Protein backbone atom coordinates (compact mmCIF):
# COMPACT_ATOMS: atom_id res chain seq x y z
CA MET A 1 132.73 86.17 108.30
CA PRO A 2 132.00 83.38 110.79
CA SER A 3 128.77 81.48 110.46
CA PRO A 4 126.26 81.89 113.31
CA ALA A 5 125.71 78.13 113.36
CA VAL A 6 127.16 74.93 111.97
CA PRO A 7 125.03 73.67 109.04
CA ARG A 8 123.28 70.38 109.70
CA LYS A 9 122.38 67.56 107.33
CA ARG A 10 119.42 67.75 104.99
CA VAL A 11 116.01 67.40 106.55
CA LEU A 12 113.80 64.96 104.64
CA THR A 13 110.03 64.95 104.65
CA THR A 14 109.69 61.69 106.54
CA PRO A 15 107.91 61.28 109.89
CA ALA A 16 111.20 60.30 111.53
CA ALA A 17 112.69 63.70 110.65
CA MET A 18 110.01 65.78 112.36
CA ASN A 19 111.98 66.14 115.63
CA VAL A 20 113.98 69.08 114.30
CA LYS A 21 114.32 72.71 115.29
CA TYR A 22 112.26 75.26 113.39
CA ILE A 23 112.53 78.95 112.70
CA ARG A 24 109.33 80.94 112.28
CA PHE A 25 109.12 84.35 110.61
CA PRO A 26 106.48 86.45 108.81
CA LEU A 27 106.19 86.39 105.04
CA TRP A 28 106.61 90.17 104.98
CA ALA A 29 110.29 89.67 105.89
CA LEU A 30 111.06 88.55 102.32
CA ALA A 31 110.31 92.11 101.14
CA TYR A 32 112.61 93.83 103.65
CA GLY A 33 116.08 95.22 103.04
CA LYS A 34 118.26 96.28 100.14
CA ASN A 35 119.63 92.83 99.29
CA ALA A 36 119.45 89.18 100.32
CA GLY A 37 122.32 89.44 102.81
CA ASP A 38 120.81 92.41 104.66
CA ARG A 39 117.44 90.66 104.67
CA MET A 40 118.75 87.37 106.10
CA ARG A 41 120.87 89.02 108.79
CA THR A 42 117.93 91.08 110.00
CA LEU A 43 115.62 88.09 109.81
CA LEU A 44 117.88 85.91 111.96
CA ARG A 45 118.27 88.52 114.69
CA TRP A 46 114.54 89.24 114.68
CA ALA A 47 113.86 85.50 115.06
CA VAL A 48 116.23 85.23 118.03
CA ILE A 49 114.33 87.86 120.03
CA GLN A 50 110.84 86.76 118.92
CA THR A 51 111.52 83.06 119.54
CA GLY A 52 113.00 83.85 122.94
CA ARG A 53 110.02 85.97 123.99
CA ASP A 54 107.55 83.30 122.92
CA GLY A 55 109.57 80.65 124.75
CA VAL A 56 109.79 82.68 127.96
CA ALA A 57 106.03 83.23 127.90
CA ALA A 58 105.46 79.50 127.38
CA TYR A 59 107.72 78.57 130.30
CA HIS A 60 105.91 80.97 132.64
CA ARG A 61 102.54 79.75 131.45
CA ASP A 62 103.45 76.09 132.07
CA GLY A 63 104.98 76.79 135.49
CA ARG A 64 108.53 75.91 134.43
CA SER A 65 110.14 79.28 134.99
CA SER A 66 112.99 77.66 136.94
CA ARG A 67 114.36 76.49 133.58
CA LEU A 68 115.15 80.11 132.70
CA ASP A 69 117.64 80.42 135.57
CA LYS A 70 120.16 78.31 133.65
CA LEU A 71 120.36 80.66 130.65
CA THR A 72 123.55 82.46 129.67
CA GLU A 73 123.75 86.10 130.62
CA PRO A 74 124.53 88.58 127.81
CA ASP A 75 127.83 90.46 127.72
CA GLU A 76 126.13 93.76 126.91
CA SER A 77 123.91 95.71 129.22
CA CYS A 78 120.19 95.45 128.54
CA ASP A 79 116.89 94.89 130.29
CA PHE A 80 116.49 91.63 132.17
CA GLU A 81 113.55 90.50 130.02
CA ASP A 82 115.38 91.27 126.78
CA GLY A 83 118.51 89.44 127.91
CA GLU A 84 116.44 86.45 128.96
CA ALA A 85 114.66 86.36 125.58
CA TRP A 86 117.96 86.73 123.69
CA ALA A 87 119.61 83.86 125.57
CA LEU A 88 116.64 81.50 125.18
CA GLY A 89 116.25 82.39 121.49
CA CYS A 90 119.90 81.59 120.79
CA GLU A 91 119.52 78.27 122.57
CA ILE A 92 116.36 77.25 120.74
CA LEU A 93 117.61 78.20 117.27
CA GLY A 94 121.15 76.96 117.85
CA VAL A 95 122.74 80.38 117.22
CA ASN A 96 126.26 81.18 118.34
CA GLU A 97 125.89 83.75 121.12
CA LYS A 98 129.28 85.31 120.32
CA VAL A 99 128.27 86.18 116.78
CA VAL A 100 124.87 87.81 117.36
CA LYS A 101 124.85 90.46 120.10
CA VAL A 102 121.82 91.31 122.16
CA THR A 103 121.76 95.02 121.24
CA GLU A 104 122.03 94.18 117.55
CA CYS A 105 119.20 91.67 117.83
CA LEU A 106 116.96 94.19 119.60
CA ARG A 107 117.65 96.82 116.94
CA CYS A 108 116.88 94.44 114.05
CA HIS A 109 113.72 93.26 115.79
CA ALA A 110 112.47 96.82 116.14
CA GLU A 111 113.29 97.70 112.52
CA LEU A 112 111.55 94.65 111.06
CA GLU A 113 108.49 95.16 113.25
CA LYS A 114 108.28 98.76 112.07
CA PHE A 115 108.53 97.60 108.44
CA ILE A 116 105.77 95.01 108.91
CA ASP A 117 103.45 97.59 110.47
CA ALA A 118 104.09 99.94 107.53
CA MET A 119 103.29 97.18 105.01
CA ASN A 120 100.06 96.28 106.79
CA ASN A 121 99.09 99.94 106.84
CA GLN A 122 99.92 100.27 103.12
CA CYS A 123 97.69 97.31 102.27
CA GLY A 124 94.88 98.32 104.62
CA ARG A 125 95.27 95.42 107.04
CA GLU A 126 95.29 95.10 110.77
CA LYS A 127 98.54 95.61 112.61
CA THR A 128 98.64 92.01 113.81
CA SER A 129 97.81 90.51 110.40
CA ARG A 130 100.65 88.22 109.33
CA CYS A 131 101.25 85.15 107.20
CA TRP A 132 103.86 82.89 108.79
CA VAL A 133 106.60 80.75 107.30
CA MET A 134 108.04 77.88 109.34
CA LEU A 135 111.20 76.15 108.13
CA PRO A 136 113.63 73.69 109.68
CA THR A 137 116.67 75.58 110.88
CA ALA A 138 118.90 73.34 108.73
CA TRP A 139 117.20 74.70 105.60
CA PHE A 140 117.50 78.24 106.90
CA TRP A 141 121.25 77.92 107.46
CA ARG A 142 121.72 76.58 103.93
CA ALA A 143 120.25 79.83 102.60
CA TYR A 144 121.63 82.17 105.27
CA ASN A 145 125.30 81.29 104.90
CA PRO A 146 125.73 81.88 101.12
CA ALA A 147 123.56 85.02 101.28
CA CYS A 148 125.82 86.48 103.99
CA GLY A 149 129.11 85.43 102.38
CA CYS A 150 129.77 82.18 104.29
CA LYS A 151 130.85 79.07 102.42
CA VAL A 152 128.92 75.85 102.93
CA ASP A 153 128.99 72.45 101.27
CA ASP A 154 125.30 72.37 100.33
CA PRO A 155 124.12 75.95 99.71
CA LEU A 156 120.52 76.89 98.98
CA PRO A 157 120.35 79.75 96.42
CA TRP A 158 118.21 82.73 97.23
CA ASP A 159 115.70 82.22 94.41
CA ARG A 160 115.09 78.61 95.41
CA PHE A 161 114.82 79.65 99.07
CA THR A 162 112.12 82.24 98.32
CA VAL A 163 110.10 79.73 96.27
CA LEU A 164 110.40 77.27 99.16
CA CYS A 165 109.16 79.93 101.61
CA ALA A 166 106.25 80.74 99.29
CA ILE A 167 105.10 77.12 99.17
CA LYS A 168 105.63 76.53 102.89
CA SER A 169 103.63 79.63 103.77
CA LYS A 170 100.64 78.01 102.04
CA VAL A 171 101.28 74.38 103.04
CA GLY A 172 101.79 75.06 106.73
CA ASP A 173 103.87 73.45 109.42
CA GLY A 174 103.25 69.78 108.61
CA GLY A 175 101.12 67.58 110.82
CA TRP A 176 99.19 70.58 112.12
CA GLY A 177 95.55 71.33 111.31
CA ASP A 178 93.03 69.27 109.39
CA THR A 179 95.06 68.95 106.19
CA GLY A 180 98.24 67.84 107.94
CA GLY A 181 100.63 70.04 105.97
CA MET A 182 99.00 69.74 102.53
CA ALA A 183 97.67 72.42 100.20
CA THR A 184 97.26 73.24 96.52
CA VAL A 185 99.47 76.09 95.34
CA THR A 186 99.23 77.83 91.98
CA TRP A 187 102.14 79.50 90.24
CA PRO A 188 100.68 83.05 90.64
CA GLU A 189 100.57 82.42 94.40
CA ILE A 190 104.21 81.34 94.38
CA GLN A 191 105.08 84.36 92.26
CA ARG A 192 103.79 86.92 94.74
CA ARG A 193 104.55 85.00 97.95
CA SER A 194 108.19 84.55 96.94
CA LEU A 195 108.45 88.36 97.05
CA GLY A 196 106.76 88.53 100.45
CA TYR A 197 103.24 89.48 99.32
CA LEU A 198 100.17 87.50 100.25
CA THR A 199 97.73 88.75 97.59
CA GLN A 200 97.91 90.30 94.14
CA ALA A 201 96.75 93.64 95.56
CA ASP A 202 99.62 93.57 98.06
CA MET A 203 102.15 93.07 95.28
CA VAL A 204 100.68 95.87 93.16
CA ASN A 205 100.69 98.33 96.06
CA CYS A 206 104.04 97.46 97.64
CA LEU A 207 106.27 96.28 94.78
CA PRO A 208 107.20 99.84 93.68
CA LEU A 209 108.33 100.59 97.26
CA ARG A 210 110.98 97.85 97.39
CA GLN A 211 114.57 98.90 97.96
CA ASP A 212 116.16 96.02 96.08
CA GLY A 213 114.23 96.47 92.82
CA ALA A 214 113.18 92.81 92.71
CA LYS A 215 110.88 91.62 89.94
CA PRO A 216 108.37 88.74 89.99
CA TYR A 217 109.67 85.37 88.82
CA SER A 218 108.46 84.04 85.50
CA ARG A 219 106.46 80.83 85.23
CA ASP A 220 109.43 78.92 83.83
CA VAL A 221 111.66 80.01 86.72
CA ILE A 222 109.04 78.97 89.26
CA ARG A 223 108.59 75.59 87.56
CA ASN A 224 112.35 74.98 87.50
CA ARG A 225 112.89 75.99 91.14
CA SER A 226 109.94 73.88 92.27
CA LYS A 227 111.40 70.84 90.53
CA ARG A 228 114.73 71.38 92.28
CA ILE A 229 112.97 71.65 95.63
CA ARG A 230 111.13 68.38 95.03
CA ALA A 231 114.34 66.71 93.88
CA ASP A 232 115.98 67.84 97.11
CA GLU A 233 113.20 66.02 98.99
CA MET A 234 112.14 69.12 100.87
CA LEU A 235 108.52 68.83 99.78
CA ARG A 236 106.32 66.27 98.11
CA SER A 237 104.05 67.17 95.23
CA TYR A 238 101.32 65.66 93.10
CA THR A 239 99.63 67.10 90.00
CA PRO A 240 96.08 65.79 89.45
CA ARG A 241 94.71 65.65 85.92
CA VAL A 242 91.24 66.40 84.59
CA PRO A 243 89.46 63.11 83.74
CA GLY A 244 87.89 62.62 80.33
CA PRO A 245 89.01 63.65 76.84
CA SER A 246 91.09 66.63 78.00
CA THR A 247 93.52 64.61 80.10
CA GLY A 248 96.33 67.00 79.26
CA LYS A 249 94.85 69.78 81.40
CA ALA A 250 96.69 69.94 84.72
CA LEU A 251 95.08 71.11 87.94
CA PRO A 252 96.88 73.16 90.63
CA VAL A 253 99.79 71.23 92.13
CA ALA A 254 99.26 69.74 95.58
CA TYR A 255 102.25 70.07 97.94
CA GLY A 256 102.79 68.26 101.19
CA TYR A 257 105.25 68.43 104.06
CA GLY A 258 105.61 65.78 106.73
CA VAL A 259 103.19 63.42 104.97
CA SER A 260 103.62 60.29 102.89
CA GLU A 261 103.25 60.35 99.13
CA MET A 262 100.19 58.06 99.21
CA LYS A 263 98.42 60.33 101.70
CA LEU A 264 99.12 63.37 99.53
CA ILE A 265 97.73 61.66 96.41
CA GLU A 266 94.57 60.53 98.21
CA TRP A 267 94.02 64.01 99.63
CA ALA A 268 94.52 65.71 96.25
CA GLU A 269 92.20 63.32 94.39
CA ARG A 270 89.52 63.50 97.09
CA ARG A 271 89.71 67.28 97.07
CA TRP A 272 89.37 67.39 93.29
CA TRP A 273 86.35 65.07 93.24
CA LYS A 274 84.71 67.05 96.02
CA ARG A 275 85.12 70.33 94.14
CA ALA A 276 83.96 68.72 90.88
CA GLY A 277 80.78 67.38 92.54
CA GLY A 278 81.65 63.67 92.52
CA VAL A 279 80.31 61.42 89.76
CA ARG A 280 77.54 63.85 88.87
CA GLY A 281 80.06 66.62 88.51
CA LYS A 282 82.17 64.48 86.20
CA LEU A 283 79.17 63.63 84.00
CA ARG A 284 78.06 67.26 83.94
CA ALA A 285 81.54 68.38 82.90
CA MET A 286 81.67 65.77 80.13
CA GLN A 287 78.22 66.82 78.86
CA GLU A 288 79.28 70.45 78.78
CA ARG A 289 82.41 69.60 76.80
CA GLN A 290 80.39 67.50 74.33
CA ALA A 291 77.80 70.27 73.89
CA ALA A 292 80.52 72.83 73.25
CA LEU A 293 82.13 70.55 70.68
CA ALA A 294 78.77 69.99 68.94
CA ARG A 295 78.14 73.74 68.75
CA GLN A 296 81.55 74.28 67.24
CA ILE A 297 80.95 71.58 64.59
CA ARG A 298 77.54 73.00 63.65
CA GLN A 299 78.98 76.47 63.29
CA GLU A 300 81.75 75.21 61.02
CA GLN A 301 79.23 73.30 58.91
CA ARG A 302 77.03 76.40 58.48
CA GLN A 303 80.01 78.47 57.45
CA SER A 304 81.10 75.83 54.95
CA GLN A 305 77.60 75.54 53.43
CA ALA A 306 77.25 79.30 53.16
CA ALA A 307 80.59 79.53 51.38
CA HIS A 308 79.60 76.86 48.79
CA ALA A 309 76.07 78.24 48.22
CA ARG A 310 77.19 81.83 47.58
CA PRO A 311 76.85 82.69 43.82
CA PRO A 312 79.81 84.24 42.01
CA ALA A 313 80.00 87.99 42.15
CA GLN A 314 79.19 89.99 39.02
CA ALA A 315 81.84 91.86 37.14
CA ASN A 316 80.73 95.25 38.36
CA GLY A 317 80.62 93.96 41.93
CA ASN A 318 77.07 95.27 42.50
CA ARG A 319 74.72 92.30 42.34
CA PRO A 320 71.09 93.32 42.94
CA ARG A 321 69.61 91.82 46.06
CA ASN A 322 66.19 91.04 44.42
CA PRO A 323 66.67 90.26 40.70
CA THR A 324 63.63 90.86 38.50
CA HIS A 325 62.21 88.27 36.13
CA ASP A 326 60.44 89.81 33.18
CA PRO A 327 58.55 87.27 30.96
CA ALA A 328 59.19 89.54 28.02
CA ASP A 329 62.91 88.83 28.29
CA HIS A 330 62.25 85.06 28.27
CA PRO A 331 59.17 84.46 26.10
CA THR A 332 59.71 80.71 25.84
CA ASP A 333 60.09 80.15 29.55
CA ALA A 334 57.20 79.57 31.89
CA PRO A 335 56.92 81.81 34.89
CA THR A 336 59.16 80.43 37.61
CA HIS A 337 57.99 82.44 40.57
CA GLY A 338 54.61 82.75 42.11
CA PRO A 339 53.25 85.41 44.36
CA THR A 340 54.74 86.32 47.72
CA VAL A 341 52.68 84.68 50.45
CA MET A 342 52.65 85.06 54.25
CA VAL A 343 52.01 81.77 56.00
CA ALA A 344 51.38 81.40 59.72
CA GLY A 345 53.57 78.81 61.39
CA ASN A 346 53.71 78.03 65.11
CA GLY A 347 51.93 81.28 65.92
CA SER A 348 54.49 83.57 64.18
CA PRO A 349 54.39 84.78 60.54
CA GLN A 350 56.94 83.11 58.30
CA TRP A 351 57.80 84.41 54.88
CA LYS A 352 57.71 81.92 52.03
CA LEU A 353 59.32 83.38 48.95
CA ALA A 354 59.57 82.16 45.36
CA ILE A 355 57.15 79.21 45.44
CA ARG A 356 57.12 77.38 42.15
CA ALA A 357 53.96 75.87 40.78
CA GLY A 358 55.85 72.70 39.78
CA ALA A 359 53.96 70.04 37.87
CA ALA A 360 50.71 72.03 38.00
CA SER A 361 49.88 74.06 34.89
CA ARG A 362 49.78 77.80 34.78
CA SER A 363 46.00 77.79 35.04
CA SER A 364 45.93 75.50 38.11
CA PRO A 365 46.38 77.50 41.28
CA ALA A 366 49.09 76.45 43.71
CA VAL A 367 47.79 75.09 47.00
CA PHE A 368 49.63 76.42 50.02
CA PRO A 369 49.80 74.75 53.43
CA ASP A 370 47.64 75.99 56.25
CA SER A 371 50.52 75.78 58.74
CA LEU A 372 54.22 75.53 58.31
CA ASN A 373 56.70 74.24 60.90
CA PRO A 374 60.26 75.60 60.87
CA GLY A 375 61.61 72.16 60.02
CA ASP A 376 59.25 71.78 57.02
CA LYS A 377 59.86 75.10 55.32
CA ARG A 378 61.84 73.63 52.43
CA MET A 379 59.67 70.52 51.97
CA GLY A 380 56.35 72.39 51.71
CA ALA A 381 54.81 70.20 54.40
CA GLY A 382 51.30 70.93 55.63
CA THR A 383 47.72 69.98 55.19
CA GLY A 384 47.58 71.14 51.58
CA HIS A 385 49.39 70.04 48.44
CA ARG A 386 52.88 68.55 49.07
CA HIS A 387 55.47 69.88 46.68
CA SER A 388 58.46 67.82 45.73
CA PRO A 389 61.90 69.15 46.70
CA SER A 390 62.73 69.79 43.06
CA SER A 391 59.68 71.97 42.60
CA LEU A 392 60.71 74.50 45.21
CA ALA A 393 62.82 77.46 44.32
CA PRO A 394 65.90 78.11 46.42
CA LEU A 395 65.43 80.60 49.22
């Protein structure tokens, strides 16, 4: 099968390489068709008609309609406007006019437009709602030729091509807009956009309706294909890191097209600091991490102390919760427990159990504090008699 165009050299992401021809198509096109070959053939013929129509409208709007008189006339019979759009589209995209026929291009354009309208209706979107992908035509031919059975020296596999389209649909055209072809892209976004779906809801609703039975790429596959794309110098990337102790945590990768590496790094770092709240945000994040670590340490210490303070279980496994102390069973021992007393502390009643008289004799009454703070419960602190730590019974 002859190739519709001669493959060109690789297009690098340098400013000098921006004067190249582009092909623009909707992201929905990646979900069309029964296989990659059918999808790419339909996509090319749709792009010929759509590019030609947009170009004809631009020429009429700018008052340069005389340029259209030099276009090649189609061999097949068709409307004058369709033939004009077909000829201009082939010229702009560099497509061989003998390979793609005008009637075939019109049929593919109508089929893909019908499919896009059905997908928008399935997802509850407006008819004109579309996410666009713009690629240099040289990249498109590298993926088109192997998918359609044409041999090339530098092919672009289908899985790598879809990942590239997913990233470019988020990054943009390069040099356009405020970000200048830069954006952060997460791997779930690449996962669904590589299948032609903009959101997670789109993928859930439309994935069962696919004719090719495609499945979402795994995270490892996306990471590997992204590395190959960066090695091929199609896109630039930078992965910012979270400052502070957790330096191993990576933030979403920033991709750029048509920009220098230094500009991409400055944009990604400035965007991260802006979202984090600047210096105050950094300090607040560090304080939150330190507080979480302190809570974890205190919890572990309490669990360790509770495990060491737990008495051994009795043989029968039923240890009474409140053991009794009968003086008749221990006639030589002095009473070790006093009465149960309710003491008011900080406005709320606190129970103080098992208070030992200590050095005082049995006849001398124990003096209890008038108030008891939560931090002084074990030390017997208060306005009354201060008991030594050894004179207090364990709680």
